[in-house]
Protein backbone atom coordinates (compact mmCIF):
# COMPACT_ATOMS: atom_id res chain seq x y z
CA MET A 1 0.04 -0.01 0.13
CA ARG A 2 1.07 3.47 -0.40
CA SER A 3 2.34 5.83 2.25
CA ASP A 4 0.08 8.60 2.56
CA ALA A 5 -1.97 9.43 5.71
CA VAL A 6 -4.96 7.29 4.86
CA HIS A 7 -2.73 4.12 3.85
CA GLN A 8 -0.93 4.35 7.35
CA VAL A 9 -4.27 4.55 9.59
CA LEU A 10 -5.78 1.64 7.26
CA GLU A 11 -2.57 -0.44 7.78
CA ALA A 12 -2.54 0.36 11.32
CA GLU A 13 -6.20 -0.88 11.98
CA LEU A 14 -5.46 -4.06 9.71
CA ALA A 15 -2.51 -4.75 12.37
CA ASP A 16 -4.81 -4.55 15.03
CA ALA A 17 -7.25 -6.60 13.39
CA ARG A 18 -4.74 -9.37 12.99
CA ARG A 19 -4.04 -9.60 16.42
CA ARG A 20 -7.74 -9.29 17.61
CA ARG A 21 -7.85 -12.39 15.35
CA GLY A 22 -4.81 -14.24 16.52
CA GLY A 23 -2.76 -13.90 13.25
CA GLU A 24 -5.81 -14.54 10.89
CA PRO A 25 -6.59 -12.74 7.89
CA PRO A 26 -8.34 -9.53 8.43
CA ARG A 27 -12.10 -9.43 7.18
CA VAL A 28 -12.51 -6.29 5.13
CA LEU A 29 -15.90 -5.22 3.27
CA ASP A 30 -15.20 -2.58 0.21
CA VAL A 31 -18.79 -0.96 -0.26
CA GLY A 32 -18.81 0.88 -3.30
CA GLY A 33 -15.01 -0.52 -4.05
CA GLY A 34 -15.90 -0.27 -7.61
CA SER A 35 -12.79 -1.46 -9.78
CA GLY A 36 -10.59 -2.54 -6.78
CA VAL A 37 -8.40 0.60 -6.08
CA TRP A 38 -8.62 -0.21 -2.82
CA ALA A 39 -9.68 -3.66 -2.70
CA VAL A 40 -6.75 -5.54 -4.89
CA PRO A 41 -3.98 -3.59 -2.79
CA LEU A 42 -5.61 -5.13 0.65
CA ALA A 43 -6.16 -8.53 -0.70
CA SER A 44 -2.51 -8.52 -2.03
CA ALA A 45 -1.48 -7.86 1.62
CA GLY A 46 -3.65 -10.76 2.54
CA CYS A 47 -6.77 -9.36 3.68
CA ALA A 48 -9.95 -11.32 2.81
CA VAL A 49 -12.05 -8.60 1.01
CA THR A 50 -15.91 -8.28 0.05
CA VAL A 51 -16.79 -5.76 -2.56
CA VAL A 52 -20.09 -4.64 -2.83
CA ASP A 53 -20.89 -2.48 -6.16
CA PRO A 54 -23.89 -1.85 -8.14
CA SER A 55 -21.95 -1.84 -11.27
CA PRO A 56 -21.47 -4.90 -12.93
CA ASN A 57 -18.63 -3.47 -15.45
CA ALA A 58 -16.82 -1.97 -12.27
CA LEU A 59 -16.72 -5.56 -10.94
CA ALA A 60 -15.62 -7.00 -14.00
CA THR A 61 -12.48 -4.60 -14.00
CA LEU A 62 -12.22 -5.36 -10.53
CA GLN A 63 -11.84 -9.25 -11.36
CA ARG A 64 -9.52 -8.42 -13.87
CA ARG A 65 -6.97 -6.50 -11.63
CA ALA A 66 -7.26 -9.12 -8.97
CA ASP A 67 -6.46 -11.91 -11.38
CA ASP A 68 -3.47 -9.64 -12.56
CA ALA A 69 -2.02 -9.29 -9.11
CA GLY A 70 -2.79 -12.76 -7.98
CA ALA A 71 -4.86 -11.75 -5.32
CA ALA A 72 -8.72 -12.98 -6.74
CA ASP A 73 -8.94 -15.88 -4.50
CA ARG A 74 -9.15 -13.30 -1.45
CA ILE A 75 -11.78 -11.03 -3.07
CA THR A 76 -15.28 -11.73 -3.61
CA PRO A 77 -17.52 -9.63 -5.40
CA LEU A 78 -20.79 -9.01 -5.04
CA GLN A 79 -23.00 -7.01 -6.83
CA GLY A 80 -25.84 -4.88 -5.13
CA ASP A 81 -26.03 -1.05 -3.49
CA THR A 82 -25.76 0.10 -0.20
CA ASP A 83 -29.52 -0.60 -0.02
CA ALA A 84 -28.90 -4.40 -0.23
CA LEU A 85 -25.79 -4.24 2.20
CA ALA A 86 -28.01 -6.42 4.82
CA ALA A 87 -28.42 -9.29 2.50
CA LEU A 88 -25.00 -9.52 1.14
CA SER A 89 -22.62 -9.31 3.93
CA PRO A 90 -23.08 -10.69 7.35
CA GLU A 91 -23.95 -8.42 10.18
CA GLY A 92 -20.87 -7.85 12.28
CA GLY A 93 -18.88 -9.50 9.84
CA ALA A 94 -15.89 -7.13 8.78
CA ASP A 95 -12.98 -5.94 10.71
CA LEU A 96 -12.65 -2.85 8.57
CA VAL A 97 -15.55 -1.50 6.14
CA LEU A 98 -14.35 1.04 3.51
CA ALA A 99 -17.02 3.61 2.37
CA HIS A 100 -14.44 5.54 0.07
CA GLY A 101 -16.44 7.65 -2.28
CA LEU A 102 -19.83 6.58 -0.98
CA LEU A 103 -21.24 9.00 0.95
CA GLU A 104 -21.15 11.48 -2.06
CA VAL A 105 -23.64 9.59 -4.16
CA VAL A 106 -25.84 7.58 -2.00
CA ASP A 107 -29.70 8.93 -1.99
CA ASP A 108 -29.95 8.66 2.08
CA VAL A 109 -27.02 9.30 3.96
CA ALA A 110 -28.32 8.26 7.18
CA ALA A 111 -29.37 5.00 5.65
CA ALA A 112 -25.92 4.26 4.18
CA VAL A 113 -23.91 4.96 7.53
CA SER A 114 -26.48 2.88 9.29
CA ALA A 115 -25.81 -0.28 6.93
CA LEU A 116 -22.31 0.22 7.35
CA VAL A 117 -22.46 0.23 11.23
CA ALA A 118 -24.15 -3.10 10.90
CA ALA A 119 -21.41 -4.69 8.88
CA THR A 120 -18.79 -4.01 11.12
CA ALA A 121 -17.32 -6.33 13.48
CA PRO A 122 -17.04 -5.30 17.42
CA GLY A 123 -13.91 -3.48 17.88
CA GLY A 124 -14.09 -3.07 13.87
CA ALA A 125 -13.74 0.17 12.26
CA VAL A 126 -15.57 2.03 9.53
CA SER A 127 -13.00 4.17 7.27
CA VAL A 128 -14.75 6.76 5.33
CA LEU A 129 -13.25 8.98 2.54
CA VAL A 130 -15.20 11.84 1.34
CA ALA A 131 -14.76 14.90 -1.21
CA ASN A 132 -14.24 18.06 0.57
CA ARG A 133 -16.51 21.37 -0.35
CA TYR A 134 -13.76 23.39 0.25
CA ALA A 135 -11.39 21.97 -1.67
CA ALA A 136 -14.05 22.26 -4.38
CA VAL A 137 -14.51 25.91 -3.79
CA ILE A 138 -10.93 26.50 -4.14
CA GLY A 139 -10.27 24.76 -7.28
CA ARG A 140 -13.05 26.39 -9.04
CA ALA A 141 -11.72 30.04 -7.73
CA LEU A 142 -8.34 29.30 -9.37
CA ALA A 143 -9.54 28.07 -12.31
CA GLY A 144 -11.68 31.52 -12.98
CA ARG A 145 -14.90 29.82 -12.10
CA VAL A 146 -16.25 32.02 -9.66
CA SER A 147 -19.60 31.33 -9.71
CA ASP A 148 -19.47 27.97 -9.31
CA ALA A 149 -17.27 28.47 -6.19
CA LEU A 150 -19.80 30.45 -5.02
CA ARG A 151 -22.35 28.27 -5.61
CA LEU A 152 -20.59 25.51 -3.66
CA VAL A 153 -20.30 27.73 -0.48
CA GLN A 154 -23.77 28.69 -0.95
CA ASP A 155 -25.47 25.36 -1.72
CA PRO A 156 -26.57 23.23 1.51
CA ASP A 157 -24.96 20.20 -0.08
CA GLY A 158 -22.01 21.92 -1.39
CA ARG A 159 -23.33 20.50 -5.03
CA LEU A 160 -23.88 22.24 -8.27
CA ASP A 161 -26.55 22.05 -10.35
CA ALA A 162 -27.60 18.25 -11.06
CA ALA A 163 -26.90 18.73 -14.72
CA SER A 164 -23.07 19.69 -14.49
CA ASP A 165 -22.25 17.50 -11.11
CA THR A 166 -22.28 13.78 -10.77
CA LEU A 167 -22.04 13.88 -7.08
CA GLN A 168 -24.70 14.52 -4.98
CA ARG A 169 -23.28 16.20 -2.00
CA ARG A 170 -19.68 17.17 -0.62
CA PHE A 171 -18.63 17.48 3.06
CA ASP A 172 -16.79 19.48 5.30
CA ALA A 173 -15.17 18.13 8.37
CA GLU A 174 -17.63 19.26 10.73
CA GLU A 175 -20.50 17.93 8.68
CA LEU A 176 -18.73 14.62 8.03
CA GLU A 177 -18.08 14.35 11.83
CA ARG A 178 -21.64 15.11 12.53
CA VAL A 179 -23.31 12.24 10.07
CA LEU A 180 -21.34 9.78 11.45
CA THR A 181 -21.91 10.47 14.97
CA ALA A 182 -25.74 10.81 14.17
CA GLY A 183 -25.27 7.42 12.65
CA GLY A 184 -23.92 5.91 16.02
CA LEU A 185 -20.53 6.12 15.34
CA GLU A 186 -18.05 7.40 17.74
CA VAL A 187 -15.37 9.17 15.33
CA GLU A 188 -11.59 8.77 16.25
CA LEU A 189 -9.91 10.66 13.51
CA VAL A 190 -10.35 13.32 10.72
CA GLN A 191 -7.74 13.85 8.27
CA GLY A 192 -7.11 15.29 4.93
CA GLN A 193 -5.90 13.38 1.90
CA ALA A 194 -4.07 15.73 -0.63
CA VAL A 195 -3.52 18.32 1.29
CA LEU A 196 -1.37 20.51 -0.69
CA SER A 197 0.27 17.80 -3.26
CA ASP A 198 -2.78 18.70 -5.71
CA LEU A 199 -1.73 22.26 -5.71
CA VAL A 200 1.71 21.91 -6.64
CA PRO A 201 3.22 21.03 -10.22
CA GLY A 202 4.59 18.03 -10.79
CA SER A 203 7.79 19.97 -12.23
CA VAL A 204 8.96 20.51 -8.82
CA LEU A 205 9.10 16.85 -7.92
CA ASP A 206 9.95 15.10 -10.91
CA ASN A 207 13.10 14.00 -10.38
CA ASN A 208 13.94 15.40 -7.36
CA PRO A 209 13.81 12.66 -4.37
CA ARG A 210 14.51 14.92 -1.50
CA ALA A 211 11.47 17.41 -2.84
CA ALA A 212 9.53 14.48 -3.04
CA GLU A 213 10.26 13.35 0.41
CA GLU A 214 9.63 17.07 1.93
CA MET A 215 6.11 16.90 -0.08
CA ALA A 216 5.38 13.70 1.38
CA GLU A 217 6.46 14.83 5.06
CA LEU A 218 4.20 17.90 4.55
CA GLU A 219 1.41 16.33 3.62
CA ARG A 220 1.76 13.72 6.64
CA LEU A 221 1.55 16.86 8.81
CA ALA A 222 -0.73 19.07 7.14
CA ALA A 223 -3.39 16.02 7.23
CA VAL A 224 -4.15 16.32 11.04
CA ARG A 225 -3.50 20.10 11.14
CA PRO A 226 -6.63 22.35 10.75
CA PRO A 227 -7.19 24.51 8.81
CA LEU A 228 -4.73 23.12 6.52
CA ARG A 229 -6.58 19.84 6.40
CA ASP A 230 -9.74 21.34 5.85
CA ILE A 231 -9.05 22.15 2.47
CA ALA A 232 -7.69 18.67 1.79
CA THR A 233 -8.87 17.12 -1.84
CA ARG A 234 -10.68 14.58 0.37
CA LEU A 235 -11.88 14.24 3.98
CA HIS A 236 -10.91 10.45 5.75
CA ALA A 237 -12.55 9.43 8.86
CA ILE A 238 -12.10 6.39 11.15
CA ALA A 239 -14.81 5.86 13.24
CA ARG A 240 -16.30 2.71 15.39
CA ALA A 241 -19.79 1.95 16.63
């Protein structure tokens, strides 16, 4: 797995799960995991991963990636959405539940969070990764799309009009923590992913190992330090029932 702040936290969670299970492979449920961006590396690291996604095309891509990585025997792909999660995954069966890029697109956030909680084993964790409203505001403003930036600030869901926005909503750190807490979760961490790296020209880091190392350290520190955290491209939370 990669070395950014999100991956470091997940690696620590999986190490705890292995200890709780006496060395047995951690059980991971990836809800909306699509083409396997997270699932395949986790399976390659020895986890037993179940991926639930409504798209048959995404699941087909997942299968190809898993085959190429030699991890297909550790991945169970299931077609379905969050509404069907209870029927697709055992209640309390996952040591780590991933909801990465999920809450921005579901129709009912509260119902989705409830389903994630039900799927989590005692002592397990829910990992949520969402698009950040304020990063979108900054990005639009820097691109000269001031009216879009204003709309993202003013709209209750941090969304543009339905015709031009593929997301149902965007979150800020307070809103993310609120919806998770309302769903019965105790939020242990809210951090940023891609706080400043998306703003740094690639030419600054290309063929410059020291600059790349310094960028990685800057990201690690900024990920947990408001207000820098609060402008990250994505917000990441770890929570427990």
